[in-house]
Amino acid sequence: GSRTQEVVVSQEILQTMGLRAFTPMVTA
């Protein structure tokens, strides 16, 4: 598996909480 998954999860924690913005998030 890709080592980068931990980075994506960290970013998504911060972004979904409204603390940072890294990449557009898709609501589905």
PDB file of all heavy atoms in Angstrom:
ATOM      1  N   GLY A   1       0.819  -1.207   0.000  1.00  0.00           N
ATOM      2  CA  GLY A   1       0.000   0.000   0.000  1.00  0.00           C
ATOM      3  C   GLY A   1       0.852   1.257   0.000  1.00  0.00           C
ATOM      4  O   GLY A   1       2.052   1.224   0.307  1.00  0.00           O
ATOM      5  N   SER A   2       0.243   2.379  -0.324  1.00  0.00           N
ATOM      6  CA  SER A   2       0.962   3.647  -0.402  1.00  0.00           C
ATOM      7  C   SER A   2       1.181   4.230   0.989  1.00  0.00           C
ATOM      8  O   SER A   2       0.274   4.255   1.821  1.00  0.00           O
ATOM      9  CB  SER A   2       0.183   4.650  -1.255  1.00  0.00           C
ATOM     10  OG  SER A   2       0.808   5.914  -1.206  1.00  0.00           O
ATOM     11  N   ARG A   3       2.390   4.710   1.229  1.00  0.00           N
ATOM     12  CA  ARG A   3       2.711   5.377   2.494  1.00  0.00           C
ATOM     13  C   ARG A   3       1.980   6.710   2.613  1.00  0.00           C
ATOM     14  O   ARG A   3       1.812   7.238   3.710  1.00  0.00           O
ATOM     15  CB  ARG A   3       4.222   5.585   2.570  1.00  0.00           C
ATOM     16  CG  ARG A   3       4.761   6.032   3.912  1.00  0.00           C
ATOM     17  CD  ARG A   3       4.720   4.933   4.938  1.00  0.00           C
ATOM     18  NE  ARG A   3       5.414   5.292   6.167  1.00  0.00           N
ATOM     19  CZ  ARG A   3       5.460   4.524   7.240  1.00  0.00           C
ATOM     20  NH1 ARG A   3       4.861   3.348   7.240  1.00  0.00           N
ATOM     21  NH2 ARG A   3       6.095   4.905   8.325  1.00  0.00           N
ATOM     22  N   THR A   4       1.541   7.251   1.498  1.00  0.00           N
ATOM     23  CA  THR A   4       0.926   8.582   1.521  1.00  0.00           C
ATOM     24  C   THR A   4      -0.465   8.590   2.133  1.00  0.00           C
ATOM     25  O   THR A   4      -1.015   9.660   2.385  1.00  0.00           O
ATOM     26  CB  THR A   4       0.837   9.162   0.098  1.00  0.00           C
ATOM     27  OG1 THR A   4       0.051   8.290  -0.722  1.00  0.00           O
ATOM     28  CG2 THR A   4       2.215   9.331  -0.513  1.00  0.00           C
ATOM     29  N   GLN A   5      -1.053   7.414   2.394  1.00  0.00           N
ATOM     30  CA  GLN A   5      -2.394   7.406   2.968  1.00  0.00           C
ATOM     31  C   GLN A   5      -2.431   8.149   4.293  1.00  0.00           C
ATOM     32  O   GLN A   5      -3.401   8.843   4.612  1.00  0.00           O
ATOM     33  CB  GLN A   5      -2.911   5.980   3.162  1.00  0.00           C
ATOM     34  CG  GLN A   5      -4.381   5.944   3.610  1.00  0.00           C
ATOM     35  CD  GLN A   5      -4.866   4.564   3.977  1.00  0.00           C
ATOM     36  OE1 GLN A   5      -4.072   3.661   4.256  1.00  0.00           O
ATOM     37  NE2 GLN A   5      -6.177   4.379   3.998  1.00  0.00           N
ATOM     38  N   GLU A   6      -1.359   8.038   5.088  1.00  0.00           N
ATOM     39  CA  GLU A   6      -1.365   8.715   6.385  1.00  0.00           C
ATOM     40  C   GLU A   6      -1.411  10.236   6.209  1.00  0.00           C
ATOM     41  O   GLU A   6      -1.990  10.947   7.035  1.00  0.00           O
ATOM     42  CB  GLU A   6      -0.176   8.295   7.237  1.00  0.00           C
ATOM     43  CG  GLU A   6       1.196   8.725   6.756  1.00  0.00           C
ATOM     44  CD  GLU A   6       2.278   8.399   7.781  1.00  0.00           C
ATOM     45  OE1 GLU A   6       2.550   7.201   8.029  1.00  0.00           O
ATOM     46  OE2 GLU A   6       2.854   9.357   8.338  1.00  0.00           O
ATOM     47  N   VAL A   7      -0.810  10.727   5.133  1.00  0.00           N
ATOM     48  CA  VAL A   7      -0.853  12.164   4.862  1.00  0.00           C
ATOM     49  C   VAL A   7      -2.269  12.588   4.486  1.00  0.00           C
ATOM     50  O   VAL A   7      -2.789  13.596   4.993  1.00  0.00           O
ATOM     51  CB  VAL A   7       0.131  12.534   3.731  1.00  0.00           C
ATOM     52  CG1 VAL A   7       0.047  14.025   3.414  1.00  0.00           C
ATOM     53  CG2 VAL A   7       1.553  12.136   4.103  1.00  0.00           C
ATOM     54  N   VAL A   8      -2.901  11.821   3.612  1.00  0.00           N
ATOM     55  CA  VAL A   8      -4.266  12.133   3.180  1.00  0.00           C
ATOM     56  C   VAL A   8      -5.216  12.139   4.371  1.00  0.00           C
ATOM     57  O   VAL A   8      -6.049  13.051   4.519  1.00  0.00           O
ATOM     58  CB  VAL A   8      -4.737  11.114   2.119  1.00  0.00           C
ATOM     59  CG1 VAL A   8      -6.213  11.330   1.788  1.00  0.00           C
ATOM     60  CG2 VAL A   8      -3.889  11.228   0.859  1.00  0.00           C
ATOM     61  N   VAL A   9      -5.096  11.153   5.259  1.00  0.00           N
ATOM     62  CA  VAL A   9      -5.978  11.091   6.428  1.00  0.00           C
ATOM     63  C   VAL A   9      -5.753  12.298   7.341  1.00  0.00           C
ATOM     64  O   VAL A   9      -6.710  12.917   7.825  1.00  0.00           O
ATOM     65  CB  VAL A   9      -5.778   9.775   7.213  1.00  0.00           C
ATOM     66  CG1 VAL A   9      -6.586   9.779   8.503  1.00  0.00           C
ATOM     67  CG2 VAL A   9      -6.179   8.581   6.349  1.00  0.00           C
ATOM     68  N   SER A  10      -4.500  12.662   7.578  1.00  0.00           N
ATOM     69  CA  SER A  10      -4.203  13.848   8.410  1.00  0.00           C
ATOM     70  C   SER A  10      -4.832  15.099   7.817  1.00  0.00           C
ATOM     71  O   SER A  10      -5.445  15.909   8.521  1.00  0.00           O
ATOM     72  CB  SER A  10      -2.693  14.041   8.539  1.00  0.00           C
ATOM     73  OG  SER A  10      -2.098  13.018   9.292  1.00  0.00           O
ATOM     74  N   GLN A  11      -4.666  15.267   6.508  1.00  0.00           N
ATOM     75  CA  GLN A  11      -5.246  16.431   5.850  1.00  0.00           C
ATOM     76  C   GLN A  11      -6.768  16.432   5.970  1.00  0.00           C
ATOM     77  O   GLN A  11      -7.374  17.480   6.233  1.00  0.00           O
ATOM     78  CB  GLN A  11      -4.851  16.447   4.372  1.00  0.00           C
ATOM     79  CG  GLN A  11      -3.393  16.776   4.115  1.00  0.00           C
ATOM     80  CD  GLN A  11      -3.097  16.828   2.628  1.00  0.00           C
ATOM     81  OE1 GLN A  11      -3.688  16.104   1.829  1.00  0.00           O
ATOM     82  NE2 GLN A  11      -2.174  17.676   2.242  1.00  0.00           N
ATOM     83  N   GLU A  12      -7.376  15.279   5.785  1.00  0.00           N
ATOM     84  CA  GLU A  12      -8.839  15.215   5.816  1.00  0.00           C
ATOM     85  C   GLU A  12      -9.384  15.452   7.214  1.00  0.00           C
ATOM     86  O   GLU A  12     -10.462  16.027   7.376  1.00  0.00           O
ATOM     87  CB  GLU A  12      -9.309  13.888   5.228  1.00  0.00           C
ATOM     88  CG  GLU A  12      -9.071  13.824   3.719  1.00  0.00           C
ATOM     89  CD  GLU A  12      -9.583  12.551   3.072  1.00  0.00           C
ATOM     90  OE1 GLU A  12      -9.936  11.602   3.804  1.00  0.00           O
ATOM     91  OE2 GLU A  12      -9.618  12.502   1.816  1.00  0.00           O
ATOM     92  N   ILE A  13      -8.649  15.026   8.253  1.00  0.00           N
ATOM     93  CA  ILE A  13      -9.065  15.344   9.621  1.00  0.00           C
ATOM     94  C   ILE A  13      -9.108  16.860   9.804  1.00  0.00           C
ATOM     95  O   ILE A  13     -10.096  17.429  10.293  1.00  0.00           O
ATOM     96  CB  ILE A  13      -8.110  14.706  10.651  1.00  0.00           C
ATOM     97  CG1 ILE A  13      -8.285  13.183  10.681  1.00  0.00           C
ATOM     98  CG2 ILE A  13      -8.357  15.288  12.053  1.00  0.00           C
ATOM     99  CD1 ILE A  13      -7.236  12.467  11.519  1.00  0.00           C
ATOM    100  N   LEU A  14      -8.028  17.530   9.413  1.00  0.00           N
ATOM    101  CA  LEU A  14      -7.954  18.987   9.596  1.00  0.00           C
ATOM    102  C   LEU A  14      -8.970  19.712   8.720  1.00  0.00           C
ATOM    103  O   LEU A  14      -9.587  20.694   9.154  1.00  0.00           O
ATOM    104  CB  LEU A  14      -6.542  19.478   9.278  1.00  0.00           C
ATOM    105  CG  LEU A  14      -5.432  18.988  10.222  1.00  0.00           C
ATOM    106  CD1 LEU A  14      -4.066  19.429   9.719  1.00  0.00           C
ATOM    107  CD2 LEU A  14      -5.656  19.502  11.641  1.00  0.00           C
ATOM    108  N   GLN A  15      -9.164  19.221   7.496  1.00  0.00           N
ATOM    109  CA  GLN A  15     -10.064  19.921   6.576  1.00  0.00           C
ATOM    110  C   GLN A  15     -11.524  19.716   6.956  1.00  0.00           C
ATOM    111  O   GLN A  15     -12.311  20.666   6.924  1.00  0.00           O
ATOM    112  CB  GLN A  15      -9.822  19.463   5.137  1.00  0.00           C
ATOM    113  CG  GLN A  15     -10.658  20.241   4.127  1.00  0.00           C
ATOM    114  CD  GLN A  15     -10.010  20.347   2.773  1.00  0.00           C
ATOM    115  OE1 GLN A  15      -8.825  20.089   2.610  1.00  0.00           O
ATOM    116  NE2 GLN A  15     -10.781  20.737   1.771  1.00  0.00           N
ATOM    117  N   THR A  16     -11.897  18.506   7.331  1.00  0.00           N
ATOM    118  CA  THR A  16     -13.299  18.279   7.695  1.00  0.00           C
ATOM    119  C   THR A  16     -13.671  19.008   8.979  1.00  0.00           C
ATOM    120  O   THR A  16     -14.846  19.323   9.194  1.00  0.00           O
ATOM    121  CB  THR A  16     -13.606  16.774   7.861  1.00  0.00           C
ATOM    122  OG1 THR A  16     -12.700  16.201   8.804  1.00  0.00           O
ATOM    123  CG2 THR A  16     -13.486  16.051   6.543  1.00  0.00           C
ATOM    124  N   MET A  17     -12.673  19.316   9.818  1.00  0.00           N
ATOM    125  CA  MET A  17     -12.935  20.094  11.030  1.00  0.00           C
ATOM    126  C   MET A  17     -12.894  21.598  10.782  1.00  0.00           C
ATOM    127  O   MET A  17     -13.139  22.389  11.694  1.00  0.00           O
ATOM    128  CB  MET A  17     -11.921  19.731  12.118  1.00  0.00           C
ATOM    129  CG  MET A  17     -12.046  18.306  12.632  1.00  0.00           C
ATOM    130  SD  MET A  17     -10.958  17.994  14.020  1.00  0.00           S
ATOM    131  CE  MET A  17     -11.724  19.043  15.281  1.00  0.00           C
ATOM    132  N   GLY A  18     -12.558  21.989   9.554  1.00  0.00           N
ATOM    133  CA  GLY A  18     -12.511  23.410   9.228  1.00  0.00           C
ATOM    134  C   GLY A  18     -11.265  24.111   9.716  1.00  0.00           C
ATOM    135  O   GLY A  18     -11.228  25.351   9.776  1.00  0.00           O
ATOM    136  N   LEU A  19     -10.204  23.344  10.046  1.00  0.00           N
ATOM    137  CA  LEU A  19      -8.979  23.946  10.570  1.00  0.00           C
ATOM    138  C   LEU A  19      -7.968  24.280   9.480  1.00  0.00           C
ATOM    139  O   LEU A  19      -7.140  25.169   9.646  1.00  0.00           O
ATOM    140  CB  LEU A  19      -8.331  23.002  11.589  1.00  0.00           C
ATOM    141  CG  LEU A  19      -9.185  22.674  12.815  1.00  0.00           C
ATOM    142  CD1 LEU A  19      -8.488  21.631  13.686  1.00  0.00           C
ATOM    143  CD2 LEU A  19      -9.466  23.935  13.627  1.00  0.00           C
ATOM    144  N   ARG A  20      -7.992  23.538   8.372  1.00  0.00           N
ATOM    145  CA  ARG A  20      -7.120  23.784   7.235  1.00  0.00           C
ATOM    146  C   ARG A  20      -7.902  23.498   5.967  1.00  0.00           C
ATOM    147  O   ARG A  20      -8.926  22.811   5.991  1.00  0.00           O
ATOM    148  CB  ARG A  20      -5.881  22.861   7.262  1.00  0.00           C
ATOM    149  CG  ARG A  20      -4.891  23.042   8.393  1.00  0.00           C
ATOM    150  CD  ARG A  20      -3.970  24.239   8.231  1.00  0.00           C
ATOM    151  NE  ARG A  20      -3.185  24.245   7.009  1.00  0.00           N
ATOM    152  CZ  ARG A  20      -1.991  23.698   6.855  1.00  0.00           C
ATOM    153  NH1 ARG A  20      -1.422  23.048   7.853  1.00  0.00           N
ATOM    154  NH2 ARG A  20      -1.327  23.803   5.716  1.00  0.00           N
ATOM    155  N   ALA A  21      -7.387  23.984   4.845  1.00  0.00           N
ATOM    156  CA  ALA A  21      -7.939  23.639   3.532  1.00  0.00           C
ATOM    157  C   ALA A  21      -6.780  23.189   2.658  1.00  0.00           C
ATOM    158  O   ALA A  21      -5.835  23.947   2.441  1.00  0.00           O
ATOM    159  CB  ALA A  21      -8.657  24.824   2.911  1.00  0.00           C
ATOM    160  N   PHE A  22      -6.849  21.948   2.175  1.00  0.00           N
ATOM    161  CA  PHE A  22      -5.773  21.389   1.364  1.00  0.00           C
ATOM    162  C   PHE A  22      -6.217  21.110  -0.062  1.00  0.00           C
ATOM    163  O   PHE A  22      -5.497  21.397  -1.007  1.00  0.00           O
ATOM    164  CB  PHE A  22      -5.263  20.079   1.986  1.00  0.00           C
ATOM    165  CG  PHE A  22      -4.649  20.246   3.334  1.00  0.00           C
ATOM    166  CD1 PHE A  22      -5.383  19.984   4.483  1.00  0.00           C
ATOM    167  CD2 PHE A  22      -3.336  20.666   3.467  1.00  0.00           C
ATOM    168  CE1 PHE A  22      -4.822  20.130   5.739  1.00  0.00           C
ATOM    169  CE2 PHE A  22      -2.761  20.828   4.716  1.00  0.00           C
ATOM    170  CZ  PHE A  22      -3.508  20.562   5.856  1.00  0.00           C
ATOM    171  N   THR A  23      -7.365  20.504  -0.197  1.00  0.00           N
ATOM    172  CA  THR A  23      -7.857  20.133  -1.518  1.00  0.00           C
ATOM    173  C   THR A  23      -9.375  20.115  -1.489  1.00  0.00           C
ATOM    174  O   THR A  23      -9.968  19.852  -0.432  1.00  0.00           O
ATOM    175  CB  THR A  23      -7.310  18.740  -1.919  1.00  0.00           C
ATOM    176  OG1 THR A  23      -7.569  18.505  -3.296  1.00  0.00           O
ATOM    177  CG2 THR A  23      -7.928  17.637  -1.092  1.00  0.00           C
ATOM    178  N   PRO A  24     -10.052  20.449  -2.582  1.00  0.00           N
ATOM    179  CA  PRO A  24     -11.514  20.421  -2.576  1.00  0.00           C
ATOM    180  C   PRO A  24     -12.043  19.045  -2.159  1.00  0.00           C
ATOM    181  O   PRO A  24     -11.537  18.015  -2.590  1.00  0.00           O
ATOM    182  CB  PRO A  24     -11.867  20.722  -4.039  1.00  0.00           C
ATOM    183  CG  PRO A  24     -10.705  21.524  -4.542  1.00  0.00           C
ATOM    184  CD  PRO A  24      -9.509  20.936  -3.864  1.00  0.00           C
ATOM    185  N   MET A  25     -13.050  19.054  -1.304  1.00  0.00           N
ATOM    186  CA  MET A  25     -13.647  17.818  -0.817  1.00  0.00           C
ATOM    187  C   MET A  25     -14.958  17.562  -1.558  1.00  0.00           C
ATOM    188  O   MET A  25     -15.723  18.483  -1.820  1.00  0.00           O
ATOM    189  CB  MET A  25     -13.913  17.910   0.687  1.00  0.00           C
ATOM    190  CG  MET A  25     -12.682  18.207   1.517  1.00  0.00           C
ATOM    191  SD  MET A  25     -11.515  16.834   1.588  1.00  0.00           S
ATOM    192  CE  MET A  25     -12.329  15.779   2.763  1.00  0.00           C
ATOM    193  N   VAL A  26     -15.181  16.290  -1.872  1.00  0.00           N
ATOM    194  CA  VAL A  26     -16.394  15.917  -2.591  1.00  0.00           C
ATOM    195  C   VAL A  26     -17.413  15.340  -1.617  1.00  0.00           C
ATOM    196  O   VAL A  26     -17.143  14.344  -0.940  1.00  0.00           O
ATOM    197  CB  VAL A  26     -16.085  14.889  -3.692  1.00  0.00           C
ATOM    198  CG1 VAL A  26     -17.370  14.464  -4.397  1.00  0.00           C
ATOM    199  CG2 VAL A  26     -15.095  15.472  -4.704  1.00  0.00           C
ATOM    200  N   THR A  27     -18.578  15.978  -1.531  1.00  0.00           N
ATOM    201  CA  THR A  27     -19.692  15.437  -0.764  1.00  0.00           C
ATOM    202  C   THR A  27     -20.433  14.430  -1.641  1.00  0.00           C
ATOM    203  O   THR A  27     -20.706  14.702  -2.812  1.00  0.00           O
ATOM    204  CB  THR A  27     -20.658  16.559  -0.347  1.00  0.00           C
ATOM    205  OG1 THR A  27     -19.959  17.480   0.501  1.00  0.00           O
ATOM    206  CG2 THR A  27     -21.867  16.007   0.386  1.00  0.00           C
ATOM    207  N   ALA A  28     -20.749  13.276  -1.089  1.00  0.00           N
ATOM    208  CA  ALA A  28     -21.486  12.257  -1.848  1.00  0.00           C
ATOM    209  C   ALA A  28     -22.397  11.499  -0.895  1.00  0.00           C
ATOM    210  O   ALA A  28     -22.044  11.269   0.266  1.00  0.00           O
ATOM    211  CB  ALA A  28     -20.528  11.296  -2.537  1.00  0.00           C
TER     212      ALA A  28
END
